[in-house]
Amino acid sequence: MSTHAPPERGPERGPDLASAPVAAAAAVPAAASVPAPVPASAPPPSPPSSPSPSPSSPRVRTVVTALVAALVGAALLTAPAPASAARQGAEDGTWRGSTAPVEPVHYTGRAFDTCEAPSLTVMKAWRSSPYGAMGIYFGGRGRGCPTQRELTPAWVASVHTMGWRLLPLFVGSQAPCVVAAAKRPFAISGSPTSLGTKEGGEAVRAAEALGLGTSSPLYLDIEAYRPGDAPCAATTLSFVRAWSREVRRLGYVPGYYSSADTGVRDIEAARRAGTTDLPAVMWFARWLGRPALYTEPVLDSQAWMPHARIHQYAGNVAEAYGGRRLLIDRNTMDAPVARVIE
């Protein structure tokens, strides 16, 4: 397998996301009921000598203040419950909590990815490894291991408690000229912009179902495709931009994985040309056998900096820790990781 343009992720090649409980909607208090006044039989006549109260008199001000307070209270009680944090920021692409945006969580160190999420027993055993983060294939129709038996909200919470940091990977539609034969059934068809927007929404919903909160990065996996095919590259770029735009609009951070010599090279060229709606984090595959996070030749030295790079530098490597063996890809990173809702 070429170390310059791996045609397919090593371990990422044959369980669906376990169904996650839907959070109950916040209860909305009913409007306060005000008892109707009991009419008197006949109000006493006002003394003819009593002047009408002035609008500025203390008595009138007191009554007006009470009426305003009652109206405001009723309005608050009948107002709809606030939308989720992700939807509050949907219009401008930013996440807004009660006071301030939630900043992405960054991790610097070694990471691995493997096709299917390992059991909690294996994850516990691998805490003795040099790795502190791992990639999880959480969604997308093009995943090599679509049946992720372990990948549930409980698993995510448990490994996060162990100290693991997570890199969520979405393997959706692929370039029309994708190299790997196993990925060709998932080639982009129809409108790449419409498809990218649709799959961006799917990625966010799948992340939410696993308990991955807004400001988490979601990494779009575009496998290596035929170099020099300009129409194919243009279609793929339109798809990636639409996907990134939708993920960002919904309050998450769009990341991107691809071969350094195809998908990454083309995204970097688009960046230099001033193209908008590009991914915010770059995960590039160049299997050198050693980390080169800041010296990748196809990337400008100032691009995707700081805290926005991952280098996959080796693939299909068997390693064992605590008596548990996995086939993995090796990565080094300085980039965002998932924010797990606790």
C-alpha atoms as a PDB file:
ATOM      1  CA  MET A   1       0.000   0.000   0.000  1.00  0.00           C
ATOM      2  CA  SER A   2       1.439   3.381  -0.934  1.00  0.00           C
ATOM      3  CA  THR A   3       2.640   5.480   1.936  1.00  0.00           C
ATOM      4  CA  HIS A   4       1.900   8.633  -0.044  1.00  0.00           C
ATOM      5  CA  ALA A   5      -1.714   8.038  -0.949  1.00  0.00           C
ATOM      6  CA  PRO A   6      -3.195   5.082   0.969  1.00  0.00           C
ATOM      7  CA  PRO A   7      -6.158   3.960  -1.145  1.00  0.00           C
ATOM      8  CA  GLU A   8      -8.141   3.075   1.929  1.00  0.00           C
ATOM      9  CA  ARG A   9      -7.799   3.405   5.683  1.00  0.00           C
ATOM     10  CA  GLY A  10      -6.146   0.341   7.098  1.00  0.00           C
ATOM     11  CA  PRO A  11      -8.560  -0.974   9.736  1.00  0.00           C
ATOM     12  CA  GLU A  12     -11.512   1.066   8.387  1.00  0.00           C
ATOM     13  CA  ARG A  13     -12.903  -1.603   5.994  1.00  0.00           C
ATOM     14  CA  GLY A  14     -16.952  -4.489   7.784  1.00  0.00           C
ATOM     15  CA  PRO A  15     -22.253  -3.212  13.767  1.00  0.00           C
ATOM     16  CA  ASP A  16     -25.253   0.156  13.079  1.00  0.00           C
ATOM     17  CA  LEU A  17     -25.168   2.728  15.798  1.00  0.00           C
ATOM     18  CA  ALA A  18     -27.039   1.409  18.793  1.00  0.00           C
ATOM     19  CA  SER A  19     -30.274   3.224  19.287  1.00  0.00           C
ATOM     20  CA  ALA A  20     -29.944   6.050  21.755  1.00  0.00           C
ATOM     21  CA  PRO A  21     -32.769   7.208  23.999  1.00  0.00           C
ATOM     22  CA  VAL A  22     -34.298  10.454  22.917  1.00  0.00           C
ATOM     23  CA  ALA A  23     -34.025  13.102  25.562  1.00  0.00           C
ATOM     24  CA  ALA A  24     -37.396  14.179  26.941  1.00  0.00           C
ATOM     25  CA  ALA A  25     -38.436  17.692  26.048  1.00  0.00           C
ATOM     26  CA  ALA A  26     -38.190  20.239  28.800  1.00  0.00           C
ATOM     27  CA  ALA A  27     -41.484  20.751  30.565  1.00  0.00           C
ATOM     28  CA  VAL A  28     -43.146  24.060  29.841  1.00  0.00           C
ATOM     29  CA  PRO A  29     -45.082  25.517  32.761  1.00  0.00           C
ATOM     30  CA  ALA A  30     -48.695  26.318  32.057  1.00  0.00           C
ATOM     31  CA  ALA A  31     -49.877  29.894  32.188  1.00  0.00           C
ATOM     32  CA  ALA A  32     -50.906  31.008  35.653  1.00  0.00           C
ATOM     33  CA  SER A  33     -54.649  31.080  36.115  1.00  0.00           C
ATOM     34  CA  VAL A  34     -56.081  34.231  37.650  1.00  0.00           C
ATOM     35  CA  PRO A  35     -59.434  33.865  39.460  1.00  0.00           C
ATOM     36  CA  ALA A  36     -62.189  36.033  38.041  1.00  0.00           C
ATOM     37  CA  PRO A  37     -63.256  38.875  40.341  1.00  0.00           C
ATOM     38  CA  VAL A  38     -66.596  38.480  42.084  1.00  0.00           C
ATOM     39  CA  PRO A  39     -68.847  41.378  41.036  1.00  0.00           C
ATOM     40  CA  ALA A  40     -70.313  43.530  43.773  1.00  0.00           C
ATOM     41  CA  SER A  41     -74.034  44.167  43.796  1.00  0.00           C
ATOM     42  CA  ALA A  42     -73.658  47.956  43.439  1.00  0.00           C
ATOM     43  CA  PRO A  43     -70.498  49.995  43.738  1.00  0.00           C
ATOM     44  CA  PRO A  44     -70.824  52.955  46.073  1.00  0.00           C
ATOM     45  CA  PRO A  45     -70.892  56.346  44.343  1.00  0.00           C
ATOM     46  CA  SER A  46     -67.744  58.430  44.529  1.00  0.00           C
ATOM     47  CA  PRO A  47     -68.003  61.572  46.593  1.00  0.00           C
ATOM     48  CA  PRO A  48     -68.616  64.442  44.191  1.00  0.00           C
ATOM     49  CA  SER A  49     -65.926  66.511  45.821  1.00  0.00           C
ATOM     50  CA  SER A  50     -63.146  63.957  45.292  1.00  0.00           C
ATOM     51  CA  PRO A  51     -60.841  64.916  42.378  1.00  0.00           C
ATOM     52  CA  SER A  52     -59.661  62.263  39.862  1.00  0.00           C
ATOM     53  CA  PRO A  53     -56.186  60.978  40.724  1.00  0.00           C
ATOM     54  CA  SER A  54     -53.312  62.378  38.673  1.00  0.00           C
ATOM     55  CA  PRO A  55     -51.467  59.916  36.347  1.00  0.00           C
ATOM     56  CA  SER A  56     -48.294  60.760  38.234  1.00  0.00           C
ATOM     57  CA  SER A  57     -49.779  60.178  41.678  1.00  0.00           C
ATOM     58  CA  PRO A  58     -48.200  57.432  43.839  1.00  0.00           C
ATOM     59  CA  ARG A  59     -51.503  55.485  43.819  1.00  0.00           C
ATOM     60  CA  VAL A  60     -51.655  55.285  39.983  1.00  0.00           C
ATOM     61  CA  ARG A  61     -47.965  54.427  39.675  1.00  0.00           C
ATOM     62  CA  THR A  62     -48.466  51.554  42.130  1.00  0.00           C
ATOM     63  CA  VAL A  63     -51.406  50.154  40.166  1.00  0.00           C
ATOM     64  CA  VAL A  64     -49.609  50.436  36.804  1.00  0.00           C
ATOM     65  CA  THR A  65     -46.493  48.765  38.171  1.00  0.00           C
ATOM     66  CA  ALA A  66     -48.558  45.863  39.492  1.00  0.00           C
ATOM     67  CA  LEU A  67     -50.343  45.422  36.152  1.00  0.00           C
ATOM     68  CA  VAL A  68     -47.051  45.417  34.194  1.00  0.00           C
ATOM     69  CA  ALA A  69     -45.518  42.880  36.553  1.00  0.00           C
ATOM     70  CA  ALA A  70     -48.535  40.608  36.182  1.00  0.00           C
ATOM     71  CA  LEU A  71     -48.412  40.811  32.372  1.00  0.00           C
ATOM     72  CA  VAL A  72     -44.666  40.088  32.241  1.00  0.00           C
ATOM     73  CA  GLY A  73     -45.063  37.122  34.574  1.00  0.00           C
ATOM     74  CA  ALA A  74     -47.830  35.676  32.441  1.00  0.00           C
ATOM     75  CA  ALA A  75     -45.724  36.102  29.291  1.00  0.00           C
ATOM     76  CA  LEU A  76     -42.794  34.286  30.854  1.00  0.00           C
ATOM     77  CA  LEU A  77     -44.988  31.448  31.990  1.00  0.00           C
ATOM     78  CA  THR A  78     -46.485  30.939  28.538  1.00  0.00           C
ATOM     79  CA  ALA A  79     -43.228  31.314  26.589  1.00  0.00           C
ATOM     80  CA  PRO A  80     -41.969  28.196  24.780  1.00  0.00           C
ATOM     81  CA  ALA A  81     -39.053  26.252  26.232  1.00  0.00           C
ATOM     82  CA  PRO A  82     -35.648  27.260  24.803  1.00  0.00           C
ATOM     83  CA  ALA A  83     -34.269  25.251  21.912  1.00  0.00           C
ATOM     84  CA  SER A  84     -31.243  23.016  22.287  1.00  0.00           C
ATOM     85  CA  ALA A  85     -27.848  24.696  22.352  1.00  0.00           C
ATOM     86  CA  ALA A  86     -27.028  23.482  18.866  1.00  0.00           C
ATOM     87  CA  ARG A  87     -30.241  24.932  17.428  1.00  0.00           C
ATOM     88  CA  GLN A  88     -29.779  28.280  19.178  1.00  0.00           C
ATOM     89  CA  GLY A  89     -26.647  28.793  17.101  1.00  0.00           C
ATOM     90  CA  ALA A  90     -28.062  27.379  13.913  1.00  0.00           C
ATOM     91  CA  GLU A  91     -28.536  30.718  12.163  1.00  0.00           C
ATOM     92  CA  ASP A  92     -25.005  32.031  12.491  1.00  0.00           C
ATOM     93  CA  GLY A  93     -23.004  28.823  12.902  1.00  0.00           C
ATOM     94  CA  THR A  94     -21.935  29.483  16.470  1.00  0.00           C
ATOM     95  CA  TRP A  95     -22.877  27.706  19.652  1.00  0.00           C
ATOM     96  CA  ARG A  96     -24.515  29.875  22.283  1.00  0.00           C
ATOM     97  CA  GLY A  97     -25.023  28.685  25.806  1.00  0.00           C
ATOM     98  CA  SER A  98     -26.550  30.691  28.613  1.00  0.00           C
ATOM     99  CA  THR A  99     -23.608  33.078  28.832  1.00  0.00           C
ATOM    100  CA  ALA A 100     -20.749  32.241  26.453  1.00  0.00           C
ATOM    101  CA  PRO A 101     -19.742  29.835  23.665  1.00  0.00           C
ATOM    102  CA  VAL A 102     -18.254  26.508  24.676  1.00  0.00           C
ATOM    103  CA  GLU A 103     -14.700  26.295  23.389  1.00  0.00           C
ATOM    104  CA  PRO A 104     -13.504  23.099  21.669  1.00  0.00           C
ATOM    105  CA  VAL A 105     -11.437  20.714  23.790  1.00  0.00           C
ATOM    106  CA  HIS A 106      -7.934  20.143  22.389  1.00  0.00           C
ATOM    107  CA  TYR A 107      -5.582  17.206  22.836  1.00  0.00           C
ATOM    108  CA  THR A 108      -1.926  16.962  21.914  1.00  0.00           C
ATOM    109  CA  GLY A 109      -0.297  13.547  21.746  1.00  0.00           C
ATOM    110  CA  ARG A 110      -0.646  10.131  20.155  1.00  0.00           C
ATOM    111  CA  ALA A 111      -3.927   8.654  18.886  1.00  0.00           C
ATOM    112  CA  PHE A 112      -5.078   5.512  17.134  1.00  0.00           C
ATOM    113  CA  ASP A 113      -8.075   4.551  15.051  1.00  0.00           C
ATOM    114  CA  THR A 114      -9.490   1.094  14.420  1.00  0.00           C
ATOM    115  CA  CYS A 115     -12.399  -0.103  12.323  1.00  0.00           C
ATOM    116  CA  GLU A 116     -14.743  -1.182  15.111  1.00  0.00           C
ATOM    117  CA  ALA A 117     -14.927   0.341  18.595  1.00  0.00           C
ATOM    118  CA  PRO A 118     -13.276  -2.123  21.013  1.00  0.00           C
ATOM    119  CA  SER A 119     -14.951  -3.438  24.147  1.00  0.00           C
ATOM    120  CA  LEU A 120     -14.629  -1.587  27.450  1.00  0.00           C
ATOM    121  CA  THR A 121     -12.343  -4.393  28.650  1.00  0.00           C
ATOM    122  CA  VAL A 122      -9.943  -3.720  25.791  1.00  0.00           C
ATOM    123  CA  MET A 123     -10.156   0.035  26.255  1.00  0.00           C
ATOM    124  CA  LYS A 124      -9.274  -0.374  29.927  1.00  0.00           C
ATOM    125  CA  ALA A 125      -6.330  -2.624  29.075  1.00  0.00           C
ATOM    126  CA  TRP A 126      -5.074  -0.097  26.511  1.00  0.00           C
ATOM    127  CA  ARG A 127      -4.801   2.651  29.106  1.00  0.00           C
ATOM    128  CA  SER A 128      -1.272   1.295  29.540  1.00  0.00           C
ATOM    129  CA  SER A 129      -0.505   2.240  25.912  1.00  0.00           C
ATOM    130  CA  PRO A 130       1.170   5.468  24.761  1.00  0.00           C
ATOM    131  CA  TYR A 131      -2.126   6.549  23.159  1.00  0.00           C
ATOM    132  CA  GLY A 132      -4.479   9.036  24.767  1.00  0.00           C
ATOM    133  CA  ALA A 133      -7.076   9.486  22.014  1.00  0.00           C
ATOM    134  CA  MET A 134      -8.847   7.221  19.543  1.00  0.00           C
ATOM    135  CA  GLY A 135     -10.921   7.556  16.388  1.00  0.00           C
ATOM    136  CA  ILE A 136     -14.466   6.187  16.390  1.00  0.00           C
ATOM    137  CA  TYR A 137     -16.444   5.557  13.194  1.00  0.00           C
ATOM    138  CA  PHE A 138     -19.727   6.928  14.448  1.00  0.00           C
ATOM    139  CA  GLY A 139     -21.719   7.348  11.227  1.00  0.00           C
ATOM    140  CA  GLY A 140     -21.980   7.398   7.464  1.00  0.00           C
ATOM    141  CA  ARG A 141     -23.122   4.974   4.791  1.00  0.00           C
ATOM    142  CA  GLY A 142     -19.575   4.252   3.625  1.00  0.00           C
ATOM    143  CA  ARG A 143     -18.177   2.839   6.851  1.00  0.00           C
ATOM    144  CA  GLY A 144     -16.186  -0.371   6.521  1.00  0.00           C
ATOM    145  CA  CYS A 145     -17.556  -1.520   9.892  1.00  0.00           C
ATOM    146  CA  PRO A 146     -21.145  -0.271   9.919  1.00  0.00           C
ATOM    147  CA  THR A 147     -22.253  -2.541  12.785  1.00  0.00           C
ATOM    148  CA  GLN A 148     -20.584  -0.906  15.765  1.00  0.00           C
ATOM    149  CA  ARG A 149     -21.712  -3.273  18.522  1.00  0.00           C
ATOM    150  CA  GLU A 150     -19.937  -1.459  21.342  1.00  0.00           C
ATOM    151  CA  LEU A 151     -20.548   2.113  20.241  1.00  0.00           C
ATOM    152  CA  THR A 152     -23.360   3.379  22.485  1.00  0.00           C
ATOM    153  CA  PRO A 153     -23.817   6.463  24.675  1.00  0.00           C
ATOM    154  CA  ALA A 154     -22.866   4.336  27.702  1.00  0.00           C
ATOM    155  CA  TRP A 155     -19.643   3.213  26.004  1.00  0.00           C
ATOM    156  CA  VAL A 156     -18.751   6.807  25.099  1.00  0.00           C
ATOM    157  CA  ALA A 157     -19.330   7.972  28.676  1.00  0.00           C
ATOM    158  CA  SER A 158     -17.344   5.055  30.103  1.00  0.00           C
ATOM    159  CA  VAL A 159     -14.236   5.455  27.959  1.00  0.00           C
ATOM    160  CA  HIS A 160     -14.301   9.207  28.519  1.00  0.00           C
ATOM    161  CA  THR A 161     -14.340   8.560  32.277  1.00  0.00           C
ATOM    162  CA  MET A 162     -11.326   6.269  31.810  1.00  0.00           C
ATOM    163  CA  GLY A 163      -9.461   9.259  30.364  1.00  0.00           C
ATOM    164  CA  TRP A 164      -9.769   8.556  26.624  1.00  0.00           C
ATOM    165  CA  ARG A 165     -10.353  11.426  24.218  1.00  0.00           C
ATOM    166  CA  LEU A 166     -12.430  10.702  21.117  1.00  0.00           C
ATOM    167  CA  LEU A 167     -12.117  11.625  17.432  1.00  0.00           C
ATOM    168  CA  PRO A 168     -15.508  11.065  15.740  1.00  0.00           C
ATOM    169  CA  LEU A 169     -15.156   9.958  12.084  1.00  0.00           C
ATOM    170  CA  PHE A 170     -18.032  10.095   9.578  1.00  0.00           C
ATOM    171  CA  VAL A 171     -17.576   7.970   6.453  1.00  0.00           C
ATOM    172  CA  GLY A 172     -20.301   9.101   4.072  1.00  0.00           C
ATOM    173  CA  SER A 173     -20.404   9.531   0.316  1.00  0.00           C
ATOM    174  CA  GLN A 174     -17.089   9.324  -1.493  1.00  0.00           C
ATOM    175  CA  ALA A 175     -15.438  10.952  -4.482  1.00  0.00           C
ATOM    176  CA  PRO A 176     -16.814   9.762  -7.861  1.00  0.00           C
ATOM    177  CA  CYS A 177     -13.285   8.596  -8.741  1.00  0.00           C
ATOM    178  CA  VAL A 178     -12.503   6.970  -5.369  1.00  0.00           C
ATOM    179  CA  VAL A 179      -9.680   4.444  -5.683  1.00  0.00           C
ATOM    180  CA  ALA A 180     -10.852   1.724  -3.270  1.00  0.00           C
ATOM    181  CA  ALA A 181     -13.282  -0.640  -4.959  1.00  0.00           C
ATOM    182  CA  ALA A 182     -15.181  -1.179  -1.684  1.00  0.00           C
ATOM    183  CA  LYS A 183     -16.036   2.526  -1.568  1.00  0.00           C
ATOM    184  CA  ARG A 184     -17.305   2.909  -5.154  1.00  0.00           C
ATOM    185  CA  PRO A 185     -20.918   1.994  -4.286  1.00  0.00           C
ATOM    186  CA  PHE A 186     -20.951   5.131  -2.117  1.00  0.00           C
ATOM    187  CA  ALA A 187     -19.757   7.561  -4.783  1.00  0.00           C
ATOM    188  CA  ILE A 188     -21.330  11.040  -4.788  1.00  0.00           C
ATOM    189  CA  SER A 189     -24.303  11.179  -7.159  1.00  0.00           C
ATOM    190  CA  GLY A 190     -26.812  13.901  -7.990  1.00  0.00           C
ATOM    191  CA  SER A 191     -26.210  17.331  -6.473  1.00  0.00           C
ATOM    192  CA  PRO A 192     -23.039  17.245  -4.324  1.00  0.00           C
ATOM    193  CA  THR A 193     -24.222  20.347  -2.446  1.00  0.00           C
ATOM    194  CA  SER A 194     -27.607  18.857  -1.536  1.00  0.00           C
ATOM    195  CA  LEU A 195     -26.018  15.539  -0.603  1.00  0.00           C
ATOM    196  CA  GLY A 196     -23.325  17.199   1.494  1.00  0.00           C
ATOM    197  CA  THR A 197     -25.910  19.257   3.387  1.00  0.00           C
ATOM    198  CA  LYS A 198     -28.040  16.154   4.005  1.00  0.00           C
ATOM    199  CA  GLU A 199     -25.134  14.087   5.277  1.00  0.00           C
ATOM    200  CA  GLY A 200     -23.866  16.950   7.441  1.00  0.00           C
ATOM    201  CA  GLY A 201     -27.220  16.889   9.228  1.00  0.00           C
ATOM    202  CA  GLU A 202     -26.985  13.109   9.571  1.00  0.00           C
ATOM    203  CA  ALA A 203     -23.549  13.432  11.134  1.00  0.00           C
ATOM    204  CA  VAL A 204     -24.771  15.921  13.736  1.00  0.00           C
ATOM    205  CA  ARG A 205     -27.784  13.764  14.654  1.00  0.00           C
ATOM    206  CA  ALA A 206     -25.584  10.682  15.038  1.00  0.00           C
ATOM    207  CA  ALA A 207     -23.163  12.638  17.237  1.00  0.00           C
ATOM    208  CA  GLU A 208     -25.988  13.952  19.418  1.00  0.00           C
ATOM    209  CA  ALA A 209     -27.356  10.422  19.827  1.00  0.00           C
ATOM    210  CA  LEU A 210     -24.009   9.298  21.263  1.00  0.00           C
ATOM    211  CA  GLY A 211     -23.811  12.185  23.725  1.00  0.00           C
ATOM    212  CA  LEU A 212     -21.220  14.228  21.800  1.00  0.00           C
ATOM    213  CA  GLY A 213     -22.020  17.857  22.458  1.00  0.00           C
ATOM    214  CA  THR A 214     -21.767  20.994  20.371  1.00  0.00           C
ATOM    215  CA  SER A 215     -18.248  22.293  19.741  1.00  0.00           C
ATOM    216  CA  SER A 216     -17.138  18.686  19.172  1.00  0.00           C
ATOM    217  CA  PRO A 217     -15.213  18.084  15.939  1.00  0.00           C
ATOM    218  CA  LEU A 218     -16.784  15.729  13.402  1.00  0.00           C
ATOM    219  CA  TYR A 219     -14.233  14.416  10.913  1.00  0.00           C
ATOM    220  CA  LEU A 220     -15.444  13.711   7.371  1.00  0.00           C
ATOM    221  CA  ASP A 221     -13.538  10.742   5.910  1.00  0.00           C
ATOM    222  CA  ILE A 222     -12.910  11.096   2.161  1.00  0.00           C
ATOM    223  CA  GLU A 223     -10.798   8.167   0.969  1.00  0.00           C
ATOM    224  CA  ALA A 224      -8.057   8.588  -1.633  1.00  0.00           C
ATOM    225  CA  TYR A 225      -9.281   9.279  -5.162  1.00  0.00           C
ATOM    226  CA  ARG A 226      -7.714   9.445  -8.609  1.00  0.00           C
ATOM    227  CA  PRO A 227      -5.186  12.292  -8.786  1.00  0.00           C
ATOM    228  CA  GLY A 228      -5.458  14.800 -11.609  1.00  0.00           C
ATOM    229  CA  ASP A 229      -9.174  14.224 -12.264  1.00  0.00           C
ATOM    230  CA  ALA A 230     -10.387  17.849 -12.160  1.00  0.00           C
ATOM    231  CA  PRO A 231     -14.169  17.198 -12.515  1.00  0.00           C
ATOM    232  CA  CYS A 232     -14.014  14.534  -9.797  1.00  0.00           C
ATOM    233  CA  ALA A 233     -12.054  16.858  -7.495  1.00  0.00           C
ATOM    234  CA  ALA A 234     -14.533  19.708  -8.108  1.00  0.00           C
ATOM    235  CA  THR A 235     -17.530  17.502  -7.274  1.00  0.00           C
ATOM    236  CA  THR A 236     -15.839  16.263  -4.128  1.00  0.00           C
ATOM    237  CA  LEU A 237     -14.954  19.797  -3.043  1.00  0.00           C
ATOM    238  CA  SER A 238     -18.588  20.915  -3.441  1.00  0.00           C
ATOM    239  CA  PHE A 239     -19.708  17.995  -1.293  1.00  0.00           C
ATOM    240  CA  VAL A 240     -17.083  18.678   1.399  1.00  0.00           C
ATOM    241  CA  ARG A 241     -17.940  22.394   1.536  1.00  0.00           C
ATOM    242  CA  ALA A 242     -21.685  21.723   1.895  1.00  0.00           C
ATOM    243  CA  TRP A 243     -21.047  19.101   4.593  1.00  0.00           C
ATOM    244  CA  SER A 244     -18.727  21.441   6.483  1.00  0.00           C
ATOM    245  CA  ARG A 245     -21.139  24.358   6.199  1.00  0.00           C
ATOM    246  CA  GLU A 246     -24.033  22.334   7.640  1.00  0.00           C
ATOM    247  CA  VAL A 247     -21.988  20.839  10.475  1.00  0.00           C
ATOM    248  CA  ARG A 248     -20.726  24.312  11.391  1.00  0.00           C
ATOM    249  CA  ARG A 249     -24.236  25.787  11.169  1.00  0.00           C
ATOM    250  CA  LEU A 250     -25.462  23.227  13.692  1.00  0.00           C
ATOM    251  CA  GLY A 251     -22.795  24.142  16.234  1.00  0.00           C
ATOM    252  CA  TYR A 252     -20.119  21.479  15.631  1.00  0.00           C
ATOM    253  CA  VAL A 253     -16.577  21.787  14.262  1.00  0.00           C
ATOM    254  CA  PRO A 254     -16.103  20.370  10.742  1.00  0.00           C
ATOM    255  CA  GLY A 255     -12.936  18.321  10.401  1.00  0.00           C
ATOM    256  CA  TYR A 256     -11.571  16.460   7.389  1.00  0.00           C
ATOM    257  CA  TYR A 257      -9.591  13.256   6.810  1.00  0.00           C
ATOM    258  CA  SER A 258      -8.046  12.277   3.469  1.00  0.00           C
ATOM    259  CA  SER A 259      -4.891  11.226   1.672  1.00  0.00           C
ATOM    260  CA  ALA A 260      -2.238  13.932   1.644  1.00  0.00           C
ATOM    261  CA  ASP A 261      -1.740  13.586  -2.114  1.00  0.00           C
ATOM    262  CA  THR A 262      -5.389  13.829  -3.175  1.00  0.00           C
ATOM    263  CA  GLY A 263      -8.113  15.116  -0.838  1.00  0.00           C
ATOM    264  CA  VAL A 264      -5.768  17.100   1.396  1.00  0.00           C
ATOM    265  CA  ARG A 265      -3.831  18.596  -1.509  1.00  0.00           C
ATOM    266  CA  ASP A 266      -7.074  19.759  -3.145  1.00  0.00           C
ATOM    267  CA  ILE A 267      -8.472  21.298   0.040  1.00  0.00           C
ATOM    268  CA  GLU A 268      -5.196  23.152   0.572  1.00  0.00           C
ATOM    269  CA  ALA A 269      -5.349  24.475  -2.997  1.00  0.00           C
ATOM    270  CA  ALA A 270      -8.911  25.681  -2.345  1.00  0.00           C
ATOM    271  CA  ARG A 271      -7.766  27.420   0.835  1.00  0.00           C
ATOM    272  CA  ARG A 272      -4.999  29.230  -1.000  1.00  0.00           C
ATOM    273  CA  ALA A 273      -7.530  30.337  -3.609  1.00  0.00           C
ATOM    274  CA  GLY A 274      -9.686  31.916  -0.903  1.00  0.00           C
ATOM    275  CA  THR A 275     -12.511  29.346  -1.025  1.00  0.00           C
ATOM    276  CA  THR A 276     -14.939  29.540   1.886  1.00  0.00           C
ATOM    277  CA  ASP A 277     -16.738  26.848   3.918  1.00  0.00           C
ATOM    278  CA  LEU A 278     -13.697  24.613   4.213  1.00  0.00           C
ATOM    279  CA  PRO A 279     -13.057  22.205   7.110  1.00  0.00           C
ATOM    280  CA  ALA A 280     -11.581  23.726  10.264  1.00  0.00           C
ATOM    281  CA  VAL A 281      -9.284  20.793  11.137  1.00  0.00           C
ATOM    282  CA  MET A 282      -7.033  18.788   8.813  1.00  0.00           C
ATOM    283  CA  TRP A 283      -6.319  15.076   9.358  1.00  0.00           C
ATOM    284  CA  PHE A 284      -3.897  13.978   6.657  1.00  0.00           C
ATOM    285  CA  ALA A 285      -2.717  10.465   5.823  1.00  0.00           C
ATOM    286  CA  ARG A 286       0.871  10.015   4.710  1.00  0.00           C
ATOM    287  CA  TRP A 287       2.322   6.726   5.847  1.00  0.00           C
ATOM    288  CA  LEU A 288       5.921   7.687   6.479  1.00  0.00           C
ATOM    289  CA  GLY A 289       6.221   5.439   9.524  1.00  0.00           C
ATOM    290  CA  ARG A 290       7.082   8.448  11.658  1.00  0.00           C
ATOM    291  CA  PRO A 291       5.177  11.579  12.758  1.00  0.00           C
ATOM    292  CA  ALA A 292       5.528  14.768  10.696  1.00  0.00           C
ATOM    293  CA  LEU A 293       2.695  16.856  12.077  1.00  0.00           C
ATOM    294  CA  TYR A 294       4.099  20.283  11.219  1.00  0.00           C
ATOM    295  CA  THR A 295       6.210  19.481   8.152  1.00  0.00           C
ATOM    296  CA  GLU A 296       3.697  17.990   5.683  1.00  0.00           C
ATOM    297  CA  PRO A 297       4.868  19.298   2.282  1.00  0.00           C
ATOM    298  CA  VAL A 298       1.430  19.837   0.701  1.00  0.00           C
ATOM    299  CA  LEU A 299       0.294  22.091   3.564  1.00  0.00           C
ATOM    300  CA  ASP A 300       1.458  25.649   4.072  1.00  0.00           C
ATOM    301  CA  SER A 301       3.375  25.851   7.329  1.00  0.00           C
ATOM    302  CA  GLN A 302       0.832  28.329   8.720  1.00  0.00           C
ATOM    303  CA  ALA A 303      -2.282  26.502   7.489  1.00  0.00           C
ATOM    304  CA  TRP A 304      -4.553  24.737   9.955  1.00  0.00           C
ATOM    305  CA  MET A 305      -2.669  26.164  12.893  1.00  0.00           C
ATOM    306  CA  PRO A 306      -2.777  26.144  15.842  1.00  0.00           C
ATOM    307  CA  HIS A 307      -4.555  23.066  17.272  1.00  0.00           C
ATOM    308  CA  ALA A 308      -5.945  21.926  13.921  1.00  0.00           C
ATOM    309  CA  ARG A 309      -3.753  19.086  12.621  1.00  0.00           C
ATOM    310  CA  ILE A 310      -3.651  15.296  12.835  1.00  0.00           C
ATOM    311  CA  HIS A 311      -1.125  13.139  10.983  1.00  0.00           C
ATOM    312  CA  GLN A 312      -1.896   9.484  10.289  1.00  0.00           C
ATOM    313  CA  TYR A 313       1.645   8.239   9.792  1.00  0.00           C
ATOM    314  CA  ALA A 314       1.246   4.430   9.776  1.00  0.00           C
ATOM    315  CA  GLY A 315      -1.551   1.993   8.992  1.00  0.00           C
ATOM    316  CA  ASN A 316      -2.532  -1.628   9.538  1.00  0.00           C
ATOM    317  CA  VAL A 317      -0.221  -2.038  12.525  1.00  0.00           C
ATOM    318  CA  ALA A 318      -0.862  -4.752  15.133  1.00  0.00           C
ATOM    319  CA  GLU A 319      -0.217  -3.704  18.716  1.00  0.00           C
ATOM    320  CA  ALA A 320      -1.035  -5.279  22.077  1.00  0.00           C
ATOM    321  CA  TYR A 321      -1.322  -3.777  25.558  1.00  0.00           C
ATOM    322  CA  GLY A 322      -2.575  -5.469  28.715  1.00  0.00           C
ATOM    323  CA  GLY A 323      -2.789  -8.713  26.770  1.00  0.00           C
ATOM    324  CA  ARG A 324      -5.267  -7.225  24.223  1.00  0.00           C
ATOM    325  CA  ARG A 325      -4.336  -7.005  20.544  1.00  0.00           C
ATOM    326  CA  LEU A 326      -5.753  -4.557  17.971  1.00  0.00           C
ATOM    327  CA  LEU A 327      -5.071  -3.719  14.331  1.00  0.00           C
ATOM    328  CA  ILE A 328      -4.757   0.054  14.218  1.00  0.00           C
ATOM    329  CA  ASP A 329      -3.617   3.149  12.352  1.00  0.00           C
ATOM    330  CA  ARG A 330      -1.148   5.342  14.216  1.00  0.00           C
ATOM    331  CA  ASN A 331      -1.640   9.104  14.500  1.00  0.00           C
ATOM    332  CA  THR A 332      -0.070  12.095  16.163  1.00  0.00           C
ATOM    333  CA  MET A 333      -2.211  15.132  16.815  1.00  0.00           C
ATOM    334  CA  ASP A 334      -2.712  18.644  18.115  1.00  0.00           C
ATOM    335  CA  ALA A 335      -6.408  19.104  17.438  1.00  0.00           C
ATOM    336  CA  PRO A 336      -9.941  19.190  18.895  1.00  0.00           C
ATOM    337  CA  VAL A 337     -11.513  16.111  20.444  1.00  0.00           C
ATOM    338  CA  ALA A 338     -15.130  15.361  21.259  1.00  0.00           C
ATOM    339  CA  ARG A 339     -16.883  17.140  24.117  1.00  0.00           C
ATOM    340  CA  VAL A 340     -18.758  14.374  25.927  1.00  0.00           C
ATOM    341  CA  ILE A 341     -21.953  15.464  27.626  1.00  0.00           C
ATOM    342  CA  GLU A 342     -21.888  14.321  31.241  1.00  0.00           C
END
